[in-house]
Amino acid sequence: MAKNFEITCPCCEATIVVDRISGDVLLHRPRVTTGAGNDLEAMVSQLETKRTEAAKRFERELESQKDRARLLDEKFKEAMARVDKSDKPPVNPFDLD
């Protein structure tokens, strides 16, 4: 049975080693990065990709909001038509006692 837990942080991907019995942090290793992702062109291209993806998401959300207003208007009209069709008055909650 192992004496220590080895945990990977979901945010920074660092490795933390914790003692099983005492709960003390024994070791903290930051994420190992390679030098390949550090050049300027790669960083700029990643930023451009993220920017275009964000713009596409924004456009999709904008279109869905336009469509949402139309759908809500249709649902409101359908509900008003159902209310007009029913001749029965609404039930008063005080009458139920």
N, C-alpha and C. Protein backbone atom coordinates (compact mmCIF):
# COMPACT_ATOMS: atom_id res chain seq x y z
N MET A 1 0.84 -1.18 0.00
CA MET A 1 0.00 0.00 0.00
C MET A 1 0.89 1.24 0.00
N ALA A 2 0.60 2.18 -0.87
CA ALA A 2 1.41 3.38 -0.99
C ALA A 2 1.17 4.31 0.20
N LYS A 3 2.21 5.00 0.61
CA LYS A 3 2.09 5.91 1.75
C LYS A 3 1.70 7.31 1.32
N ASN A 4 1.85 7.64 0.04
CA ASN A 4 1.64 9.01 -0.42
C ASN A 4 0.63 9.04 -1.56
N PHE A 5 -0.09 10.16 -1.63
CA PHE A 5 -0.97 10.43 -2.76
C PHE A 5 -0.22 11.34 -3.72
N GLU A 6 -0.34 11.07 -5.00
CA GLU A 6 0.23 11.95 -6.01
C GLU A 6 -0.94 12.55 -6.77
N ILE A 7 -1.09 13.86 -6.69
CA ILE A 7 -2.25 14.57 -7.23
C ILE A 7 -1.77 15.54 -8.29
N THR A 8 -2.51 15.60 -9.40
CA THR A 8 -2.22 16.58 -10.45
C THR A 8 -3.27 17.67 -10.38
N CYS A 9 -2.82 18.91 -10.26
CA CYS A 9 -3.72 20.06 -10.17
C CYS A 9 -4.42 20.26 -11.52
N PRO A 10 -5.76 20.39 -11.52
CA PRO A 10 -6.47 20.58 -12.79
C PRO A 10 -6.25 21.96 -13.39
N CYS A 11 -5.86 22.93 -12.60
CA CYS A 11 -5.67 24.30 -13.12
C CYS A 11 -4.29 24.48 -13.74
N CYS A 12 -3.25 24.23 -12.92
CA CYS A 12 -1.90 24.53 -13.40
C CYS A 12 -1.13 23.28 -13.80
N GLU A 13 -1.72 22.12 -13.64
CA GLU A 13 -1.13 20.83 -14.00
C GLU A 13 0.16 20.55 -13.23
N ALA A 14 0.29 21.13 -12.04
CA ALA A 14 1.43 20.83 -11.18
C ALA A 14 1.16 19.51 -10.47
N THR A 15 2.22 18.84 -10.04
CA THR A 15 2.09 17.58 -9.31
C THR A 15 2.35 17.85 -7.84
N ILE A 16 1.44 17.37 -6.99
CA ILE A 16 1.56 17.55 -5.55
C ILE A 16 1.58 16.18 -4.92
N VAL A 17 2.55 15.93 -4.04
CA VAL A 17 2.65 14.67 -3.33
C VAL A 17 2.24 14.94 -1.88
N VAL A 18 1.21 14.20 -1.40
CA VAL A 18 0.65 14.41 -0.07
C VAL A 18 0.82 13.13 0.74
N ASP A 19 1.23 13.28 1.99
CA ASP A 19 1.36 12.13 2.89
C ASP A 19 -0.03 11.62 3.24
N ARG A 20 -0.23 10.31 3.13
CA ARG A 20 -1.53 9.71 3.35
C ARG A 20 -1.98 9.84 4.81
N ILE A 21 -1.08 9.69 5.73
CA ILE A 21 -1.43 9.66 7.15
C ILE A 21 -1.59 11.07 7.72
N SER A 22 -0.58 11.92 7.55
CA SER A 22 -0.61 13.24 8.18
C SER A 22 -1.32 14.29 7.32
N GLY A 23 -1.39 14.09 6.01
CA GLY A 23 -2.00 15.06 5.12
C GLY A 23 -1.08 16.21 4.75
N ASP A 24 0.18 16.10 5.11
CA ASP A 24 1.15 17.15 4.79
C ASP A 24 1.56 17.07 3.33
N VAL A 25 1.81 18.25 2.73
CA VAL A 25 2.32 18.30 1.36
C VAL A 25 3.81 18.04 1.43
N LEU A 26 4.24 16.96 0.78
CA LEU A 26 5.65 16.58 0.81
C LEU A 26 6.44 17.19 -0.34
N LEU A 27 5.78 17.34 -1.51
CA LEU A 27 6.50 17.78 -2.69
C LEU A 27 5.54 18.52 -3.61
N HIS A 28 6.03 19.58 -4.21
CA HIS A 28 5.27 20.31 -5.22
C HIS A 28 6.17 20.49 -6.43
N ARG A 29 5.74 19.89 -7.56
CA ARG A 29 6.51 20.01 -8.81
C ARG A 29 5.67 20.79 -9.81
N PRO A 30 6.14 21.96 -10.24
CA PRO A 30 5.39 22.68 -11.27
C PRO A 30 5.40 21.91 -12.59
N ARG A 31 4.47 22.23 -13.45
CA ARG A 31 4.36 21.57 -14.74
C ARG A 31 5.62 21.82 -15.56
N VAL A 32 6.08 20.79 -16.19
CA VAL A 32 7.27 20.89 -17.03
C VAL A 32 6.83 21.35 -18.41
N THR A 33 7.43 22.46 -18.86
CA THR A 33 7.10 22.97 -20.19
C THR A 33 8.31 22.82 -21.09
N THR A 34 8.03 22.63 -22.34
CA THR A 34 9.11 22.55 -23.32
C THR A 34 9.29 23.90 -23.97
N GLY A 35 10.42 24.14 -24.54
CA GLY A 35 10.71 25.43 -25.16
C GLY A 35 10.05 25.62 -26.51
N ALA A 36 9.39 24.60 -27.05
CA ALA A 36 8.82 24.70 -28.40
C ALA A 36 7.67 25.69 -28.47
N GLY A 37 6.89 25.83 -27.41
CA GLY A 37 5.73 26.70 -27.44
C GLY A 37 6.03 28.14 -27.08
N ASN A 38 7.28 28.48 -26.89
CA ASN A 38 7.62 29.81 -26.42
C ASN A 38 7.97 30.80 -27.52
N ASP A 39 8.03 30.40 -28.76
CA ASP A 39 8.40 31.37 -29.78
C ASP A 39 7.21 32.27 -30.11
N LEU A 40 7.52 33.45 -30.55
CA LEU A 40 6.53 34.50 -30.72
C LEU A 40 5.49 34.16 -31.79
N GLU A 41 5.91 33.57 -32.90
CA GLU A 41 4.96 33.27 -33.97
C GLU A 41 3.90 32.27 -33.51
N ALA A 42 4.32 31.27 -32.75
CA ALA A 42 3.36 30.27 -32.26
C ALA A 42 2.36 30.92 -31.31
N MET A 43 2.84 31.81 -30.48
CA MET A 43 1.94 32.49 -29.55
C MET A 43 0.95 33.39 -30.28
N VAL A 44 1.41 34.09 -31.29
CA VAL A 44 0.54 34.96 -32.07
C VAL A 44 -0.51 34.14 -32.81
N SER A 45 -0.10 33.03 -33.39
CA SER A 45 -1.07 32.20 -34.12
C SER A 45 -2.11 31.61 -33.17
N GLN A 46 -1.69 31.24 -31.96
CA GLN A 46 -2.65 30.74 -30.98
C GLN A 46 -3.64 31.83 -30.58
N LEU A 47 -3.14 33.04 -30.40
CA LEU A 47 -4.04 34.14 -30.05
C LEU A 47 -5.02 34.44 -31.18
N GLU A 48 -4.55 34.39 -32.42
CA GLU A 48 -5.43 34.62 -33.57
C GLU A 48 -6.51 33.54 -33.64
N THR A 49 -6.11 32.30 -33.41
CA THR A 49 -7.07 31.20 -33.42
C THR A 49 -8.12 31.39 -32.34
N LYS A 50 -7.68 31.75 -31.15
CA LYS A 50 -8.62 31.97 -30.05
C LYS A 50 -9.55 33.15 -30.36
N ARG A 51 -9.01 34.18 -30.97
CA ARG A 51 -9.83 35.34 -31.30
C ARG A 51 -10.91 35.00 -32.32
N THR A 52 -10.55 34.25 -33.34
CA THR A 52 -11.55 33.88 -34.35
C THR A 52 -12.60 32.93 -33.76
N GLU A 53 -12.17 32.01 -32.88
CA GLU A 53 -13.14 31.13 -32.25
C GLU A 53 -14.10 31.91 -31.36
N ALA A 54 -13.59 32.90 -30.64
CA ALA A 54 -14.44 33.72 -29.78
C ALA A 54 -15.42 34.53 -30.64
N ALA A 55 -14.97 35.04 -31.76
CA ALA A 55 -15.86 35.79 -32.65
C ALA A 55 -16.97 34.89 -33.20
N LYS A 56 -16.61 33.66 -33.56
CA LYS A 56 -17.63 32.73 -34.06
C LYS A 56 -18.64 32.39 -32.98
N ARG A 57 -18.16 32.16 -31.74
CA ARG A 57 -19.08 31.87 -30.63
C ARG A 57 -20.01 33.06 -30.38
N PHE A 58 -19.46 34.27 -30.45
CA PHE A 58 -20.27 35.47 -30.25
C PHE A 58 -21.36 35.57 -31.30
N GLU A 59 -21.01 35.33 -32.56
CA GLU A 59 -22.01 35.39 -33.63
C GLU A 59 -23.10 34.35 -33.44
N ARG A 60 -22.71 33.12 -33.03
CA ARG A 60 -23.71 32.07 -32.79
C ARG A 60 -24.66 32.48 -31.67
N GLU A 61 -24.13 33.04 -30.59
CA GLU A 61 -24.96 33.46 -29.47
C GLU A 61 -25.87 34.61 -29.86
N LEU A 62 -25.35 35.52 -30.68
CA LEU A 62 -26.16 36.65 -31.14
C LEU A 62 -27.33 36.15 -31.98
N GLU A 63 -27.08 35.21 -32.88
CA GLU A 63 -28.14 34.64 -33.70
C GLU A 63 -29.16 33.90 -32.85
N SER A 64 -28.67 33.16 -31.83
CA SER A 64 -29.61 32.42 -30.99
C SER A 64 -30.48 33.37 -30.17
N GLN A 65 -29.94 34.53 -29.79
CA GLN A 65 -30.74 35.50 -29.05
C GLN A 65 -31.80 36.12 -29.95
N LYS A 66 -31.48 36.36 -31.21
CA LYS A 66 -32.47 36.88 -32.15
C LYS A 66 -33.58 35.85 -32.34
N ASP A 67 -33.19 34.61 -32.50
CA ASP A 67 -34.16 33.53 -32.67
C ASP A 67 -34.97 33.33 -31.40
N ARG A 68 -34.34 33.51 -30.26
CA ARG A 68 -35.00 33.32 -28.97
C ARG A 68 -36.15 34.30 -28.80
N ALA A 69 -35.95 35.54 -29.20
CA ALA A 69 -37.01 36.55 -29.09
C ALA A 69 -38.21 36.15 -29.94
N ARG A 70 -37.96 35.65 -31.12
CA ARG A 70 -39.06 35.21 -31.99
C ARG A 70 -39.80 34.04 -31.38
N LEU A 71 -39.07 33.06 -30.83
CA LEU A 71 -39.70 31.90 -30.22
C LEU A 71 -40.53 32.28 -29.00
N LEU A 72 -40.01 33.18 -28.18
CA LEU A 72 -40.76 33.62 -27.01
C LEU A 72 -42.03 34.35 -27.42
N ASP A 73 -41.95 35.13 -28.47
CA ASP A 73 -43.13 35.84 -28.96
C ASP A 73 -44.19 34.84 -29.45
N GLU A 74 -43.76 33.81 -30.16
CA GLU A 74 -44.70 32.79 -30.63
C GLU A 74 -45.34 32.05 -29.46
N LYS A 75 -44.56 31.69 -28.47
CA LYS A 75 -45.10 31.00 -27.30
C LYS A 75 -46.09 31.89 -26.55
N PHE A 76 -45.80 33.17 -26.46
CA PHE A 76 -46.72 34.09 -25.80
C PHE A 76 -48.04 34.16 -26.54
N LYS A 77 -47.98 34.24 -27.87
CA LYS A 77 -49.22 34.29 -28.67
C LYS A 77 -50.03 33.01 -28.53
N GLU A 78 -49.33 31.85 -28.48
CA GLU A 78 -50.03 30.58 -28.29
C GLU A 78 -50.71 30.53 -26.93
N ALA A 79 -50.02 31.02 -25.90
CA ALA A 79 -50.61 31.03 -24.56
C ALA A 79 -51.81 31.96 -24.50
N MET A 80 -51.73 33.11 -25.16
CA MET A 80 -52.87 34.03 -25.19
C MET A 80 -54.05 33.41 -25.93
N ALA A 81 -53.78 32.66 -26.99
CA ALA A 81 -54.86 31.99 -27.72
C ALA A 81 -55.53 30.94 -26.84
N ARG A 82 -54.75 30.20 -26.06
CA ARG A 82 -55.32 29.19 -25.16
C ARG A 82 -56.18 29.85 -24.08
N VAL A 83 -55.74 31.00 -23.59
CA VAL A 83 -56.51 31.71 -22.56
C VAL A 83 -57.82 32.21 -23.15
N ASP A 84 -57.79 32.71 -24.37
CA ASP A 84 -59.01 33.20 -25.02
C ASP A 84 -60.00 32.07 -25.27
N LYS A 85 -59.52 30.86 -25.55
CA LYS A 85 -60.40 29.73 -25.84
C LYS A 85 -61.11 29.21 -24.59
N SER A 86 -60.48 29.31 -23.44
CA SER A 86 -61.10 28.75 -22.24
C SER A 86 -62.09 29.77 -21.67
N ASP A 87 -63.34 29.31 -21.48
CA ASP A 87 -64.39 30.17 -20.93
C ASP A 87 -64.43 30.08 -19.41
N LYS A 88 -63.73 29.10 -18.87
CA LYS A 88 -63.73 28.86 -17.44
C LYS A 88 -62.83 29.89 -16.74
N PRO A 89 -63.35 30.57 -15.69
CA PRO A 89 -62.50 31.53 -14.99
C PRO A 89 -61.41 30.79 -14.19
N PRO A 90 -60.32 31.45 -13.92
CA PRO A 90 -59.25 30.79 -13.16
C PRO A 90 -59.70 30.46 -11.74
N VAL A 91 -59.13 29.43 -11.19
CA VAL A 91 -59.50 28.97 -9.85
C VAL A 91 -58.83 29.89 -8.82
N ASN A 92 -59.67 30.37 -7.89
CA ASN A 92 -59.16 31.18 -6.81
C ASN A 92 -58.59 30.26 -5.73
N PRO A 93 -57.37 30.42 -5.30
CA PRO A 93 -56.80 29.52 -4.30
C PRO A 93 -57.55 29.56 -2.97
N PHE A 94 -58.21 30.67 -2.65
CA PHE A 94 -58.95 30.74 -1.39
C PHE A 94 -60.23 29.92 -1.43
N ASP A 95 -60.73 29.63 -2.63
CA ASP A 95 -61.94 28.83 -2.77
C ASP A 95 -61.66 27.35 -2.52
N LEU A 96 -60.42 26.94 -2.55
CA LEU A 96 -60.07 25.53 -2.38
C LEU A 96 -60.15 25.09 -0.93
N ASP A 97 -60.18 26.01 0.03
CA ASP A 97 -60.24 25.63 1.45
C ASP A 97 -61.56 25.09 1.88
